[in-house]
Amino acid sequence: MAVAPQLAPVEIVDLRRLRARDLAPLLEEQQRTWLTELFWDYRPSAEMIAKHLDARTLLGSVALVAGRVAGYCFYVVEEQKGLLGDLYVLEPYRRQRPARS
């Protein structure tokens, strides 16, 4: 059985520590993926996400591999429930497994 290649250790950080420019390559790939695979223009959503990233009002986490953004997720809390807003991982990191610490 083939084993997935191993990544460098993954660091999970609070999304509010980063700015939109830090996630720009990820958001651009996400827009292309949504357009190609789902025929949906994700640009307005990405722009709204970028706005909230820069305002540091978006709750979530970012996966960093060797200091570079590999993926992110964010959520919204409404009264007594939390809603997953999005989860996206850059293509090169999708089939790799994290290194064990």
N, C-alpha and C. Protein backbone atom coordinates (compact mmCIF):
# COMPACT_ATOMS: atom_id res chain seq x y z
N MET A 1 0.84 -1.17 0.00
CA MET A 1 0.00 0.00 0.00
C MET A 1 0.88 1.24 0.00
N ALA A 2 0.58 2.18 -0.85
CA ALA A 2 1.35 3.43 -0.95
C ALA A 2 1.04 4.33 0.23
N VAL A 3 2.06 5.01 0.70
CA VAL A 3 1.91 5.94 1.81
C VAL A 3 2.07 7.35 1.27
N ALA A 4 1.20 8.23 1.71
CA ALA A 4 1.27 9.64 1.27
C ALA A 4 2.58 10.25 1.71
N PRO A 5 3.15 11.12 0.88
CA PRO A 5 4.38 11.80 1.28
C PRO A 5 4.16 12.60 2.56
N GLN A 6 5.23 12.77 3.30
CA GLN A 6 5.12 13.46 4.58
C GLN A 6 5.52 14.92 4.48
N LEU A 7 4.73 15.77 5.09
CA LEU A 7 4.97 17.22 5.16
C LEU A 7 5.95 17.54 6.29
N ALA A 8 6.47 18.73 6.23
CA ALA A 8 7.14 19.29 7.40
C ALA A 8 6.05 19.49 8.45
N PRO A 9 6.43 19.68 9.71
CA PRO A 9 5.41 19.89 10.74
C PRO A 9 4.47 21.05 10.39
N VAL A 10 3.21 20.88 10.75
CA VAL A 10 2.19 21.89 10.48
C VAL A 10 1.98 22.71 11.76
N GLU A 11 1.99 24.02 11.59
CA GLU A 11 1.70 24.92 12.70
C GLU A 11 0.32 25.50 12.47
N ILE A 12 -0.55 25.44 13.48
CA ILE A 12 -1.89 26.01 13.39
C ILE A 12 -1.90 27.32 14.17
N VAL A 13 -2.28 28.40 13.48
CA VAL A 13 -2.30 29.72 14.12
C VAL A 13 -3.68 30.36 13.95
N ASP A 14 -3.95 31.31 14.82
CA ASP A 14 -5.19 32.07 14.77
C ASP A 14 -5.23 32.88 13.47
N LEU A 15 -6.34 32.80 12.77
CA LEU A 15 -6.52 33.51 11.50
C LEU A 15 -6.32 35.01 11.66
N ARG A 16 -6.63 35.55 12.82
CA ARG A 16 -6.52 36.99 13.05
C ARG A 16 -5.07 37.47 13.10
N ARG A 17 -4.11 36.55 13.12
CA ARG A 17 -2.69 36.94 13.09
C ARG A 17 -2.22 37.29 11.69
N LEU A 18 -3.01 36.93 10.67
CA LEU A 18 -2.59 37.16 9.29
C LEU A 18 -3.45 38.21 8.63
N ARG A 19 -2.95 38.73 7.54
CA ARG A 19 -3.66 39.73 6.73
C ARG A 19 -4.07 39.09 5.41
N ALA A 20 -4.89 39.81 4.66
CA ALA A 20 -5.36 39.31 3.36
C ALA A 20 -4.19 39.03 2.43
N ARG A 21 -3.17 39.87 2.45
CA ARG A 21 -2.02 39.65 1.56
C ARG A 21 -1.32 38.32 1.87
N ASP A 22 -1.35 37.88 3.12
CA ASP A 22 -0.73 36.61 3.50
C ASP A 22 -1.47 35.42 2.91
N LEU A 23 -2.78 35.56 2.74
CA LEU A 23 -3.60 34.48 2.19
C LEU A 23 -3.93 34.68 0.71
N ALA A 24 -3.38 35.72 0.09
CA ALA A 24 -3.71 36.03 -1.31
C ALA A 24 -3.49 34.85 -2.26
N PRO A 25 -2.35 34.14 -2.21
CA PRO A 25 -2.20 33.01 -3.14
C PRO A 25 -3.25 31.92 -2.92
N LEU A 26 -3.59 31.68 -1.66
CA LEU A 26 -4.62 30.68 -1.36
C LEU A 26 -5.98 31.13 -1.89
N LEU A 27 -6.35 32.37 -1.63
CA LEU A 27 -7.65 32.86 -2.09
C LEU A 27 -7.74 32.88 -3.62
N GLU A 28 -6.62 33.18 -4.29
CA GLU A 28 -6.61 33.16 -5.76
C GLU A 28 -6.80 31.75 -6.29
N GLU A 29 -6.09 30.78 -5.68
CA GLU A 29 -6.28 29.39 -6.11
C GLU A 29 -7.70 28.93 -5.83
N GLN A 30 -8.24 29.31 -4.69
CA GLN A 30 -9.60 28.92 -4.34
C GLN A 30 -10.60 29.48 -5.36
N GLN A 31 -10.41 30.72 -5.78
CA GLN A 31 -11.30 31.31 -6.79
C GLN A 31 -11.24 30.53 -8.09
N ARG A 32 -10.02 30.19 -8.53
CA ARG A 32 -9.86 29.42 -9.77
C ARG A 32 -10.51 28.05 -9.65
N THR A 33 -10.33 27.40 -8.51
CA THR A 33 -10.90 26.07 -8.30
C THR A 33 -12.42 26.10 -8.34
N TRP A 34 -13.01 27.05 -7.63
CA TRP A 34 -14.47 27.15 -7.60
C TRP A 34 -15.02 27.43 -9.01
N LEU A 35 -14.33 28.29 -9.75
CA LEU A 35 -14.79 28.62 -11.10
C LEU A 35 -14.67 27.42 -12.03
N THR A 36 -13.54 26.71 -11.98
CA THR A 36 -13.29 25.57 -12.85
C THR A 36 -14.17 24.37 -12.53
N GLU A 37 -14.28 24.06 -11.25
CA GLU A 37 -14.99 22.84 -10.85
C GLU A 37 -16.48 23.03 -10.60
N LEU A 38 -16.86 24.22 -10.17
CA LEU A 38 -18.27 24.44 -9.80
C LEU A 38 -18.95 25.52 -10.64
N PHE A 39 -18.17 26.16 -11.54
CA PHE A 39 -18.71 27.22 -12.38
C PHE A 39 -19.33 28.34 -11.55
N TRP A 40 -18.68 28.66 -10.43
CA TRP A 40 -19.18 29.66 -9.51
C TRP A 40 -18.10 30.73 -9.32
N ASP A 41 -18.47 31.98 -9.47
CA ASP A 41 -17.55 33.09 -9.28
C ASP A 41 -17.41 33.36 -7.78
N TYR A 42 -16.30 32.93 -7.22
CA TYR A 42 -16.04 33.05 -5.80
C TYR A 42 -15.42 34.41 -5.44
N ARG A 43 -15.15 35.23 -6.44
CA ARG A 43 -14.47 36.51 -6.23
C ARG A 43 -15.17 37.38 -5.18
N PRO A 44 -16.50 37.58 -5.24
CA PRO A 44 -17.13 38.42 -4.21
C PRO A 44 -16.94 37.86 -2.79
N SER A 45 -16.99 36.55 -2.66
CA SER A 45 -16.76 35.94 -1.34
C SER A 45 -15.32 36.15 -0.90
N ALA A 46 -14.37 35.96 -1.81
CA ALA A 46 -12.96 36.15 -1.48
C ALA A 46 -12.68 37.60 -1.08
N GLU A 47 -13.33 38.53 -1.75
CA GLU A 47 -13.16 39.95 -1.40
C GLU A 47 -13.70 40.24 0.00
N MET A 48 -14.84 39.64 0.33
CA MET A 48 -15.41 39.84 1.66
C MET A 48 -14.51 39.20 2.73
N ILE A 49 -13.98 38.02 2.44
CA ILE A 49 -13.06 37.36 3.36
C ILE A 49 -11.83 38.23 3.58
N ALA A 50 -11.26 38.77 2.48
CA ALA A 50 -10.08 39.63 2.58
C ALA A 50 -10.36 40.86 3.44
N LYS A 51 -11.53 41.44 3.26
CA LYS A 51 -11.91 42.62 4.04
C LYS A 51 -11.93 42.28 5.54
N HIS A 52 -12.53 41.14 5.88
CA HIS A 52 -12.60 40.75 7.29
C HIS A 52 -11.25 40.30 7.84
N LEU A 53 -10.40 39.74 6.98
CA LEU A 53 -9.04 39.39 7.41
C LEU A 53 -8.29 40.65 7.82
N ASP A 54 -8.35 41.67 6.99
CA ASP A 54 -7.63 42.91 7.30
C ASP A 54 -8.22 43.64 8.50
N ALA A 55 -9.50 43.46 8.74
CA ALA A 55 -10.13 44.06 9.92
C ALA A 55 -9.92 43.20 11.16
N ARG A 56 -9.38 42.00 10.96
CA ARG A 56 -9.13 41.03 12.04
C ARG A 56 -10.40 40.65 12.78
N THR A 57 -11.48 40.50 12.01
CA THR A 57 -12.77 40.14 12.60
C THR A 57 -13.22 38.73 12.23
N LEU A 58 -12.39 38.01 11.49
CA LEU A 58 -12.76 36.67 11.04
C LEU A 58 -12.15 35.64 11.98
N LEU A 59 -12.99 34.79 12.55
CA LEU A 59 -12.52 33.76 13.47
C LEU A 59 -12.16 32.50 12.69
N GLY A 60 -11.04 31.90 13.03
CA GLY A 60 -10.65 30.68 12.36
C GLY A 60 -9.19 30.36 12.59
N SER A 61 -8.66 29.48 11.75
CA SER A 61 -7.29 29.02 11.88
C SER A 61 -6.63 28.93 10.52
N VAL A 62 -5.31 29.01 10.55
CA VAL A 62 -4.50 28.86 9.34
C VAL A 62 -3.48 27.76 9.61
N ALA A 63 -3.28 26.89 8.63
CA ALA A 63 -2.23 25.88 8.70
C ALA A 63 -1.00 26.43 7.98
N LEU A 64 0.11 26.47 8.68
CA LEU A 64 1.37 26.93 8.10
C LEU A 64 2.33 25.75 8.01
N VAL A 65 2.98 25.60 6.88
CA VAL A 65 4.01 24.59 6.69
C VAL A 65 5.29 25.34 6.34
N ALA A 66 6.29 25.19 7.16
CA ALA A 66 7.55 25.92 6.98
C ALA A 66 7.30 27.42 6.82
N GLY A 67 6.35 27.94 7.61
CA GLY A 67 6.05 29.36 7.60
C GLY A 67 5.17 29.84 6.46
N ARG A 68 4.77 28.93 5.58
CA ARG A 68 3.93 29.31 4.43
C ARG A 68 2.50 28.81 4.63
N VAL A 69 1.53 29.61 4.19
CA VAL A 69 0.12 29.23 4.30
C VAL A 69 -0.15 28.00 3.45
N ALA A 70 -0.72 26.97 4.07
CA ALA A 70 -1.08 25.74 3.36
C ALA A 70 -2.60 25.58 3.28
N GLY A 71 -3.32 26.16 4.23
CA GLY A 71 -4.77 26.05 4.24
C GLY A 71 -5.35 26.94 5.33
N TYR A 72 -6.67 27.07 5.29
CA TYR A 72 -7.33 27.88 6.31
C TYR A 72 -8.77 27.40 6.49
N CYS A 73 -9.34 27.83 7.59
CA CYS A 73 -10.77 27.64 7.80
C CYS A 73 -11.24 28.83 8.63
N PHE A 74 -12.51 29.15 8.45
CA PHE A 74 -13.08 30.19 9.31
C PHE A 74 -14.49 29.80 9.65
N TYR A 75 -14.99 30.41 10.72
CA TYR A 75 -16.33 30.10 11.18
C TYR A 75 -16.99 31.38 11.69
N VAL A 76 -18.29 31.30 11.81
CA VAL A 76 -19.10 32.42 12.29
C VAL A 76 -19.92 31.91 13.47
N VAL A 77 -19.96 32.68 14.53
CA VAL A 77 -20.76 32.32 15.70
C VAL A 77 -22.01 33.18 15.69
N GLU A 78 -23.17 32.52 15.71
CA GLU A 78 -24.46 33.20 15.76
C GLU A 78 -25.22 32.68 16.96
N GLU A 79 -25.39 33.54 17.93
CA GLU A 79 -26.06 33.19 19.18
C GLU A 79 -25.45 31.92 19.75
N GLN A 80 -26.19 30.80 19.73
CA GLN A 80 -25.72 29.57 20.36
C GLN A 80 -25.22 28.54 19.36
N LYS A 81 -24.90 28.95 18.15
CA LYS A 81 -24.39 27.97 17.19
C LYS A 81 -23.21 28.55 16.42
N GLY A 82 -22.37 27.66 15.97
CA GLY A 82 -21.24 28.05 15.15
C GLY A 82 -21.43 27.47 13.75
N LEU A 83 -21.13 28.25 12.76
CA LEU A 83 -21.27 27.82 11.37
C LEU A 83 -19.90 27.84 10.69
N LEU A 84 -19.53 26.72 10.08
CA LEU A 84 -18.29 26.67 9.33
C LEU A 84 -18.47 27.52 8.09
N GLY A 85 -17.65 28.56 7.96
CA GLY A 85 -17.75 29.45 6.81
C GLY A 85 -17.06 28.87 5.60
N ASP A 86 -15.85 28.33 5.81
CA ASP A 86 -15.10 27.76 4.70
C ASP A 86 -13.91 26.99 5.23
N LEU A 87 -13.44 26.11 4.39
CA LEU A 87 -12.24 25.33 4.66
C LEU A 87 -11.60 25.08 3.31
N TYR A 88 -10.32 25.46 3.18
CA TYR A 88 -9.64 25.26 1.90
C TYR A 88 -8.17 24.98 2.16
N VAL A 89 -7.63 24.02 1.41
CA VAL A 89 -6.22 23.65 1.48
C VAL A 89 -5.64 23.75 0.08
N LEU A 90 -4.48 24.40 -0.03
CA LEU A 90 -3.81 24.51 -1.33
C LEU A 90 -3.54 23.12 -1.90
N GLU A 91 -3.66 23.00 -3.20
CA GLU A 91 -3.54 21.71 -3.88
C GLU A 91 -2.28 20.92 -3.51
N PRO A 92 -1.09 21.52 -3.45
CA PRO A 92 0.10 20.72 -3.14
C PRO A 92 0.08 20.04 -1.78
N TYR A 93 -0.77 20.51 -0.87
CA TYR A 93 -0.81 19.96 0.48
C TYR A 93 -1.94 18.97 0.72
N ARG A 94 -2.78 18.75 -0.25
CA ARG A 94 -3.98 17.94 -0.03
C ARG A 94 -3.71 16.46 0.18
N ARG A 95 -2.66 15.92 -0.39
CA ARG A 95 -2.44 14.48 -0.31
C ARG A 95 -1.21 14.14 0.53
N GLN A 96 -0.81 15.05 1.38
CA GLN A 96 0.34 14.82 2.23
C GLN A 96 -0.12 14.68 3.66
N ARG A 97 0.65 13.97 4.42
CA ARG A 97 0.30 13.80 5.83
C ARG A 97 1.30 14.58 6.67
N PRO A 98 0.84 15.17 7.78
CA PRO A 98 1.75 15.94 8.64
C PRO A 98 2.82 15.05 9.26
N ALA A 99 3.98 15.63 9.50
CA ALA A 99 5.04 14.92 10.21
C ALA A 99 4.63 14.73 11.65
N ARG A 100 5.09 13.65 12.23
CA ARG A 100 4.80 13.43 13.66
C ARG A 100 5.80 14.21 14.49
N SER A 101 5.30 14.78 15.59
CA SER A 101 6.20 15.56 16.43
C SER A 101 6.95 14.65 17.38
